[in-house]
Amino acid sequence: MFRLLGLVLKLVLGFVLVSVVWVLLYAAVPVPFTLTMAGDLVAGRGVTKSWRALGSIDPDLARAAIAGEDSKFCSHSGFDWGAIAGAARHNAEGGRMRGGSTISQQTAKNVFLWQGGGYVRKALEAWFTLLIERIWGKRRIMEVYLNVAETGIGTYGAEAAAIRYFNHGAGRLSPIEAGRIAAVLPLPKKRAAIDPSGFVRRHGNRLARYVGVVRRNGLDACLR
């Protein structure tokens, strides 16, 4: 029994050490690859991505992401407990499933883990969320998020999305362009920002209007 407990303790300590070093490494260097990207390669879809520093990405894209995905991004410590509780109540009532993940949680999942649910993945996501909040900080989290988030089939990050949909880089985006890229984020394999119709057009236009609200209310203050 003591031998088994010792083995478990060593495994836990080894995981903690490896995960901390991993997060420290990505605090300084661009994220080269993710499991989601590997899935696209296995499926034969290819991967298009191009890393871009947060300071060279039009700030309206971060504002649109905050408006659409996580309005409390700058004020929470990684988890929006009110949104999580609201999503749990909604899902318990039936109907279309709703998530309560913050941008920090989505970044942790996108970078270090795999897509899909399950208690193990959720627990690991929470651990990596705590690490990146404390080691990276908000600006780095948003920078990584805007570079690794899937923005279309085989397309990752702001730069690749801007070129694919609007034929120019992410350094200059109109509020409409930023809103439509952000509208794709929840379901990137089923939506496109170019010539959108239905939900993407409506939601993208709504997010474009909220860009100014985010700026005026200082909801992006941690990124300035």
C-alpha atoms as a PDB file:
ATOM      1  CA  MET A   1       0.000   0.000   0.000  1.00  0.00           C
ATOM      2  CA  PHE A   2       2.794   2.449   0.930  1.00  0.00           C
ATOM      3  CA  ARG A   3       4.602   1.586  -2.281  1.00  0.00           C
ATOM      4  CA  LEU A   4       1.449   2.322  -4.306  1.00  0.00           C
ATOM      5  CA  LEU A   5       0.881   5.606  -2.505  1.00  0.00           C
ATOM      6  CA  GLY A   6       4.497   6.557  -3.129  1.00  0.00           C
ATOM      7  CA  LEU A   7       4.109   5.821  -6.837  1.00  0.00           C
ATOM      8  CA  VAL A   8       0.910   7.899  -7.034  1.00  0.00           C
ATOM      9  CA  LEU A   9       2.612  10.780  -5.222  1.00  0.00           C
ATOM     10  CA  LYS A  10       5.560  10.675  -7.630  1.00  0.00           C
ATOM     11  CA  LEU A  11       3.210  10.695 -10.617  1.00  0.00           C
ATOM     12  CA  VAL A  12       1.266  13.657  -9.247  1.00  0.00           C
ATOM     13  CA  LEU A  13       4.416  15.622  -8.445  1.00  0.00           C
ATOM     14  CA  GLY A  14       5.845  14.774 -11.877  1.00  0.00           C
ATOM     15  CA  PHE A  15       2.687  16.017 -13.584  1.00  0.00           C
ATOM     16  CA  VAL A  16       2.727  19.251 -11.569  1.00  0.00           C
ATOM     17  CA  LEU A  17       6.369  19.876 -12.432  1.00  0.00           C
ATOM     18  CA  VAL A  18       5.923  19.131 -16.145  1.00  0.00           C
ATOM     19  CA  SER A  19       2.776  21.257 -16.419  1.00  0.00           C
ATOM     20  CA  VAL A  20       4.387  24.244 -14.685  1.00  0.00           C
ATOM     21  CA  VAL A  21       7.456  24.052 -16.926  1.00  0.00           C
ATOM     22  CA  TRP A  22       5.189  23.726 -19.977  1.00  0.00           C
ATOM     23  CA  VAL A  23       3.231  26.836 -19.020  1.00  0.00           C
ATOM     24  CA  LEU A  24       6.431  28.753 -18.268  1.00  0.00           C
ATOM     25  CA  LEU A  25       7.794  27.828 -21.698  1.00  0.00           C
ATOM     26  CA  TYR A  26       4.688  29.083 -23.500  1.00  0.00           C
ATOM     27  CA  ALA A  27       4.825  32.299 -21.512  1.00  0.00           C
ATOM     28  CA  ALA A  28       7.888  33.201 -23.575  1.00  0.00           C
ATOM     29  CA  VAL A  29       7.576  31.442 -26.950  1.00  0.00           C
ATOM     30  CA  PRO A  30       4.737  31.125 -29.486  1.00  0.00           C
ATOM     31  CA  VAL A  31       2.617  27.990 -29.164  1.00  0.00           C
ATOM     32  CA  PRO A  32       3.833  25.845 -32.083  1.00  0.00           C
ATOM     33  CA  PHE A  33       1.073  23.240 -32.274  1.00  0.00           C
ATOM     34  CA  THR A  34      -2.021  21.888 -30.506  1.00  0.00           C
ATOM     35  CA  LEU A  35      -3.957  18.634 -30.391  1.00  0.00           C
ATOM     36  CA  THR A  36      -6.820  20.301 -32.272  1.00  0.00           C
ATOM     37  CA  MET A  37      -4.439  21.160 -35.104  1.00  0.00           C
ATOM     38  CA  ALA A  38      -3.192  17.561 -35.068  1.00  0.00           C
ATOM     39  CA  GLY A  39      -6.786  16.413 -35.541  1.00  0.00           C
ATOM     40  CA  ASP A  40      -7.107  18.553 -38.659  1.00  0.00           C
ATOM     41  CA  LEU A  41      -3.899  17.106 -40.055  1.00  0.00           C
ATOM     42  CA  VAL A  42      -5.051  13.543 -39.383  1.00  0.00           C
ATOM     43  CA  ALA A  43      -8.340  14.337 -41.128  1.00  0.00           C
ATOM     44  CA  GLY A  44      -6.423  15.647 -44.143  1.00  0.00           C
ATOM     45  CA  ARG A  45      -7.684  19.206 -43.799  1.00  0.00           C
ATOM     46  CA  GLY A  46      -4.319  20.875 -43.279  1.00  0.00           C
ATOM     47  CA  VAL A  47      -3.513  23.723 -40.898  1.00  0.00           C
ATOM     48  CA  THR A  48      -3.109  27.422 -41.699  1.00  0.00           C
ATOM     49  CA  LYS A  49      -1.750  29.641 -38.944  1.00  0.00           C
ATOM     50  CA  SER A  50       0.554  32.610 -38.427  1.00  0.00           C
ATOM     51  CA  TRP A  51       1.576  33.928 -35.013  1.00  0.00           C
ATOM     52  CA  ARG A  52       1.054  37.618 -34.376  1.00  0.00           C
ATOM     53  CA  ALA A  53       1.843  39.618 -31.226  1.00  0.00           C
ATOM     54  CA  LEU A  54      -1.140  41.069 -29.386  1.00  0.00           C
ATOM     55  CA  GLY A  55       0.114  44.600 -29.960  1.00  0.00           C
ATOM     56  CA  SER A  56      -0.040  44.103 -33.724  1.00  0.00           C
ATOM     57  CA  ILE A  57      -3.576  42.651 -33.752  1.00  0.00           C
ATOM     58  CA  ASP A  58      -6.347  45.196 -34.135  1.00  0.00           C
ATOM     59  CA  PRO A  59      -7.675  45.746 -30.578  1.00  0.00           C
ATOM     60  CA  ASP A  60     -11.250  45.565 -31.833  1.00  0.00           C
ATOM     61  CA  LEU A  61     -10.841  41.797 -32.261  1.00  0.00           C
ATOM     62  CA  ALA A  62     -10.009  41.315 -28.581  1.00  0.00           C
ATOM     63  CA  ARG A  63     -12.934  43.584 -27.723  1.00  0.00           C
ATOM     64  CA  ALA A  64     -15.274  41.553 -29.926  1.00  0.00           C
ATOM     65  CA  ALA A  65     -14.032  38.335 -28.300  1.00  0.00           C
ATOM     66  CA  ILE A  66     -14.655  39.806 -24.840  1.00  0.00           C
ATOM     67  CA  ALA A  67     -18.135  40.913 -25.903  1.00  0.00           C
ATOM     68  CA  GLY A  68     -19.021  37.523 -27.341  1.00  0.00           C
ATOM     69  CA  GLU A  69     -17.182  35.064 -25.137  1.00  0.00           C
ATOM     70  CA  ASP A  70     -16.287  36.557 -21.768  1.00  0.00           C
ATOM     71  CA  SER A  71     -17.437  40.036 -20.722  1.00  0.00           C
ATOM     72  CA  LYS A  72     -15.719  39.673 -17.318  1.00  0.00           C
ATOM     73  CA  PHE A  73     -12.372  38.612 -18.766  1.00  0.00           C
ATOM     74  CA  CYS A  74     -10.434  41.469 -17.161  1.00  0.00           C
ATOM     75  CA  SER A  75     -12.088  41.132 -13.737  1.00  0.00           C
ATOM     76  CA  HIS A  76     -12.253  37.389 -13.033  1.00  0.00           C
ATOM     77  CA  SER A  77      -9.394  35.139 -11.963  1.00  0.00           C
ATOM     78  CA  GLY A  78      -9.989  32.517 -14.633  1.00  0.00           C
ATOM     79  CA  PHE A  79     -13.536  31.390 -13.864  1.00  0.00           C
ATOM     80  CA  ASP A  80     -16.848  33.220 -14.153  1.00  0.00           C
ATOM     81  CA  TRP A  81     -18.800  31.380 -11.476  1.00  0.00           C
ATOM     82  CA  GLY A  82     -22.023  33.207 -12.292  1.00  0.00           C
ATOM     83  CA  ALA A  83     -21.843  32.144 -15.950  1.00  0.00           C
ATOM     84  CA  ILE A  84     -20.960  28.568 -14.955  1.00  0.00           C
ATOM     85  CA  ALA A  85     -23.937  28.386 -12.585  1.00  0.00           C
ATOM     86  CA  GLY A  86     -26.238  29.899 -15.207  1.00  0.00           C
ATOM     87  CA  ALA A  87     -25.088  27.397 -17.834  1.00  0.00           C
ATOM     88  CA  ALA A  88     -25.604  24.522 -15.380  1.00  0.00           C
ATOM     89  CA  ARG A  89     -29.176  25.664 -14.649  1.00  0.00           C
ATOM     90  CA  HIS A  90     -29.937  26.097 -18.334  1.00  0.00           C
ATOM     91  CA  ASN A  91     -28.544  22.672 -19.246  1.00  0.00           C
ATOM     92  CA  ALA A  92     -30.433  21.000 -16.398  1.00  0.00           C
ATOM     93  CA  GLU A  93     -33.675  22.347 -17.851  1.00  0.00           C
ATOM     94  CA  GLY A  94     -32.967  20.648 -21.179  1.00  0.00           C
ATOM     95  CA  GLY A  95     -32.703  22.086 -24.636  1.00  0.00           C
ATOM     96  CA  ARG A  96     -29.568  23.188 -26.427  1.00  0.00           C
ATOM     97  CA  MET A  97     -26.456  22.822 -24.269  1.00  0.00           C
ATOM     98  CA  ARG A  98     -24.759  26.039 -23.206  1.00  0.00           C
ATOM     99  CA  GLY A  99     -21.214  26.493 -21.934  1.00  0.00           C
ATOM    100  CA  GLY A 100     -19.926  28.845 -19.269  1.00  0.00           C
ATOM    101  CA  SER A 101     -16.221  28.734 -20.103  1.00  0.00           C
ATOM    102  CA  THR A 102     -14.144  31.902 -19.924  1.00  0.00           C
ATOM    103  CA  ILE A 103     -11.521  32.899 -22.481  1.00  0.00           C
ATOM    104  CA  SER A 104      -8.912  31.726 -19.968  1.00  0.00           C
ATOM    105  CA  GLN A 105     -10.521  28.269 -19.778  1.00  0.00           C
ATOM    106  CA  GLN A 106     -10.841  28.062 -23.553  1.00  0.00           C
ATOM    107  CA  THR A 107      -7.185  29.016 -23.937  1.00  0.00           C
ATOM    108  CA  ALA A 108      -6.097  26.355 -21.442  1.00  0.00           C
ATOM    109  CA  LYS A 109      -8.123  23.750 -23.313  1.00  0.00           C
ATOM    110  CA  ASN A 110      -6.989  24.832 -26.773  1.00  0.00           C
ATOM    111  CA  VAL A 111      -3.292  24.917 -25.898  1.00  0.00           C
ATOM    112  CA  PHE A 112      -2.746  22.031 -23.499  1.00  0.00           C
ATOM    113  CA  LEU A 113      -5.659  19.640 -23.920  1.00  0.00           C
ATOM    114  CA  TRP A 114      -8.145  18.169 -26.345  1.00  0.00           C
ATOM    115  CA  GLN A 115     -11.653  19.123 -27.453  1.00  0.00           C
ATOM    116  CA  GLY A 116     -14.671  17.416 -25.954  1.00  0.00           C
ATOM    117  CA  GLY A 117     -16.017  16.940 -22.461  1.00  0.00           C
ATOM    118  CA  GLY A 118     -15.466  14.581 -19.589  1.00  0.00           C
ATOM    119  CA  TYR A 119     -14.588  15.140 -15.953  1.00  0.00           C
ATOM    120  CA  VAL A 120     -10.887  14.374 -16.428  1.00  0.00           C
ATOM    121  CA  ARG A 121     -10.519  16.951 -19.184  1.00  0.00           C
ATOM    122  CA  LYS A 122     -12.493  19.516 -17.175  1.00  0.00           C
ATOM    123  CA  ALA A 123     -10.293  18.957 -14.126  1.00  0.00           C
ATOM    124  CA  LEU A 124      -7.129  19.367 -16.192  1.00  0.00           C
ATOM    125  CA  GLU A 125      -8.604  22.470 -17.819  1.00  0.00           C
ATOM    126  CA  ALA A 126      -9.205  24.004 -14.386  1.00  0.00           C
ATOM    127  CA  TRP A 127      -5.611  23.257 -13.343  1.00  0.00           C
ATOM    128  CA  PHE A 128      -4.100  24.793 -16.479  1.00  0.00           C
ATOM    129  CA  THR A 129      -6.452  27.775 -16.183  1.00  0.00           C
ATOM    130  CA  LEU A 130      -5.129  28.474 -12.694  1.00  0.00           C
ATOM    131  CA  LEU A 131      -1.554  28.208 -13.969  1.00  0.00           C
ATOM    132  CA  ILE A 132      -1.911  30.530 -16.952  1.00  0.00           C
ATOM    133  CA  GLU A 133      -3.802  33.135 -14.913  1.00  0.00           C
ATOM    134  CA  ARG A 134      -0.966  33.259 -12.411  1.00  0.00           C
ATOM    135  CA  ILE A 135       2.017  32.806 -14.722  1.00  0.00           C
ATOM    136  CA  TRP A 136       0.943  34.433 -17.991  1.00  0.00           C
ATOM    137  CA  GLY A 137      -1.429  37.214 -17.005  1.00  0.00           C
ATOM    138  CA  LYS A 138      -4.310  38.601 -19.043  1.00  0.00           C
ATOM    139  CA  ARG A 139      -2.385  40.087 -21.976  1.00  0.00           C
ATOM    140  CA  ARG A 140      -0.543  36.847 -22.681  1.00  0.00           C
ATOM    141  CA  ILE A 141      -3.729  34.799 -22.309  1.00  0.00           C
ATOM    142  CA  MET A 142      -5.518  36.969 -24.865  1.00  0.00           C
ATOM    143  CA  GLU A 143      -2.488  36.921 -27.176  1.00  0.00           C
ATOM    144  CA  VAL A 144      -2.333  33.130 -27.121  1.00  0.00           C
ATOM    145  CA  TYR A 145      -6.120  32.827 -27.459  1.00  0.00           C
ATOM    146  CA  LEU A 146      -6.212  35.031 -30.550  1.00  0.00           C
ATOM    147  CA  ASN A 147      -3.399  32.998 -32.118  1.00  0.00           C
ATOM    148  CA  VAL A 148      -4.509  29.421 -31.440  1.00  0.00           C
ATOM    149  CA  ALA A 149      -8.314  29.657 -31.455  1.00  0.00           C
ATOM    150  CA  GLU A 150      -9.867  27.823 -34.384  1.00  0.00           C
ATOM    151  CA  THR A 151     -11.374  30.398 -36.742  1.00  0.00           C
ATOM    152  CA  GLY A 152     -12.526  28.070 -39.517  1.00  0.00           C
ATOM    153  CA  ILE A 153     -11.843  24.611 -40.850  1.00  0.00           C
ATOM    154  CA  GLY A 154      -8.075  24.209 -40.708  1.00  0.00           C
ATOM    155  CA  THR A 155      -7.680  27.912 -39.893  1.00  0.00           C
ATOM    156  CA  TYR A 156      -6.185  29.057 -36.595  1.00  0.00           C
ATOM    157  CA  GLY A 157      -5.719  32.491 -35.135  1.00  0.00           C
ATOM    158  CA  ALA A 158      -6.531  36.077 -35.997  1.00  0.00           C
ATOM    159  CA  GLU A 159      -3.992  36.524 -38.786  1.00  0.00           C
ATOM    160  CA  ALA A 160      -5.005  33.423 -40.739  1.00  0.00           C
ATOM    161  CA  ALA A 161      -8.688  34.294 -40.289  1.00  0.00           C
ATOM    162  CA  ALA A 162      -8.278  37.885 -41.475  1.00  0.00           C
ATOM    163  CA  ILE A 163      -6.388  36.765 -44.584  1.00  0.00           C
ATOM    164  CA  ARG A 164      -8.840  33.955 -45.338  1.00  0.00           C
ATOM    165  CA  TYR A 165     -11.993  36.006 -44.914  1.00  0.00           C
ATOM    166  CA  PHE A 166     -10.972  39.576 -45.745  1.00  0.00           C
ATOM    167  CA  ASN A 167      -7.735  39.299 -47.763  1.00  0.00           C
ATOM    168  CA  HIS A 168      -5.664  41.401 -45.373  1.00  0.00           C
ATOM    169  CA  GLY A 169      -3.850  40.946 -42.082  1.00  0.00           C
ATOM    170  CA  ALA A 170      -5.233  41.188 -38.567  1.00  0.00           C
ATOM    171  CA  GLY A 171      -3.435  44.484 -37.929  1.00  0.00           C
ATOM    172  CA  ARG A 172      -6.364  46.423 -39.331  1.00  0.00           C
ATOM    173  CA  LEU A 173      -9.892  45.162 -38.874  1.00  0.00           C
ATOM    174  CA  SER A 174     -13.128  47.077 -39.037  1.00  0.00           C
ATOM    175  CA  PRO A 175     -15.560  46.478 -36.155  1.00  0.00           C
ATOM    176  CA  ILE A 176     -17.723  44.437 -38.553  1.00  0.00           C
ATOM    177  CA  GLU A 177     -14.763  42.232 -39.554  1.00  0.00           C
ATOM    178  CA  ALA A 178     -13.714  41.787 -35.928  1.00  0.00           C
ATOM    179  CA  GLY A 179     -17.277  40.954 -34.912  1.00  0.00           C
ATOM    180  CA  ARG A 180     -17.687  38.354 -37.635  1.00  0.00           C
ATOM    181  CA  ILE A 181     -14.416  36.615 -36.786  1.00  0.00           C
ATOM    182  CA  ALA A 182     -15.492  36.539 -33.127  1.00  0.00           C
ATOM    183  CA  ALA A 183     -18.897  35.167 -34.138  1.00  0.00           C
ATOM    184  CA  VAL A 184     -17.186  32.164 -35.727  1.00  0.00           C
ATOM    185  CA  LEU A 185     -15.260  31.201 -32.562  1.00  0.00           C
ATOM    186  CA  PRO A 186     -17.914  29.080 -30.798  1.00  0.00           C
ATOM    187  CA  LEU A 187     -18.461  26.756 -33.799  1.00  0.00           C
ATOM    188  CA  PRO A 188     -15.559  27.310 -36.220  1.00  0.00           C
ATOM    189  CA  LYS A 189     -16.122  24.151 -38.251  1.00  0.00           C
ATOM    190  CA  LYS A 190     -19.724  25.112 -39.018  1.00  0.00           C
ATOM    191  CA  ARG A 191     -19.428  28.871 -39.550  1.00  0.00           C
ATOM    192  CA  ALA A 192     -17.562  31.241 -41.847  1.00  0.00           C
ATOM    193  CA  ALA A 193     -17.037  34.980 -41.522  1.00  0.00           C
ATOM    194  CA  ILE A 194     -16.870  35.622 -45.257  1.00  0.00           C
ATOM    195  CA  ASP A 195     -20.223  36.464 -46.859  1.00  0.00           C
ATOM    196  CA  PRO A 196     -22.024  35.207 -43.745  1.00  0.00           C
ATOM    197  CA  SER A 197     -25.730  34.634 -43.447  1.00  0.00           C
ATOM    198  CA  GLY A 198     -28.072  33.741 -40.634  1.00  0.00           C
ATOM    199  CA  PHE A 199     -26.577  33.573 -37.168  1.00  0.00           C
ATOM    200  CA  VAL A 200     -23.025  34.616 -38.078  1.00  0.00           C
ATOM    201  CA  ARG A 201     -24.241  37.780 -39.786  1.00  0.00           C
ATOM    202  CA  ARG A 202     -26.637  38.716 -36.980  1.00  0.00           C
ATOM    203  CA  HIS A 203     -24.296  37.823 -34.140  1.00  0.00           C
ATOM    204  CA  GLY A 204     -21.265  39.320 -35.872  1.00  0.00           C
ATOM    205  CA  ASN A 205     -23.072  42.608 -36.436  1.00  0.00           C
ATOM    206  CA  ARG A 206     -24.205  42.579 -32.793  1.00  0.00           C
ATOM    207  CA  LEU A 207     -20.641  42.036 -31.577  1.00  0.00           C
ATOM    208  CA  ALA A 208     -19.445  44.846 -33.859  1.00  0.00           C
ATOM    209  CA  ARG A 209     -21.825  47.196 -32.053  1.00  0.00           C
ATOM    210  CA  TYR A 210     -20.591  45.962 -28.655  1.00  0.00           C
ATOM    211  CA  VAL A 211     -16.945  46.684 -29.540  1.00  0.00           C
ATOM    212  CA  GLY A 212     -17.487  50.326 -28.637  1.00  0.00           C
ATOM    213  CA  VAL A 213     -19.276  49.379 -25.420  1.00  0.00           C
ATOM    214  CA  VAL A 214     -16.322  47.235 -24.337  1.00  0.00           C
ATOM    215  CA  ARG A 215     -13.925  50.095 -25.057  1.00  0.00           C
ATOM    216  CA  ARG A 216     -15.978  52.815 -23.380  1.00  0.00           C
ATOM    217  CA  ASN A 217     -16.694  50.741 -20.269  1.00  0.00           C
ATOM    218  CA  GLY A 218     -13.092  49.657 -19.880  1.00  0.00           C
ATOM    219  CA  LEU A 219     -13.895  45.953 -20.150  1.00  0.00           C
ATOM    220  CA  ASP A 220     -10.600  45.554 -22.027  1.00  0.00           C
ATOM    221  CA  ALA A 221      -8.587  47.627 -19.525  1.00  0.00           C
ATOM    222  CA  CYS A 222      -6.271  44.713 -18.663  1.00  0.00           C
ATOM    223  CA  LEU A 223      -5.115  44.588 -22.293  1.00  0.00           C
ATOM    224  CA  ARG A 224      -4.158  48.266 -22.681  1.00  0.00           C
END
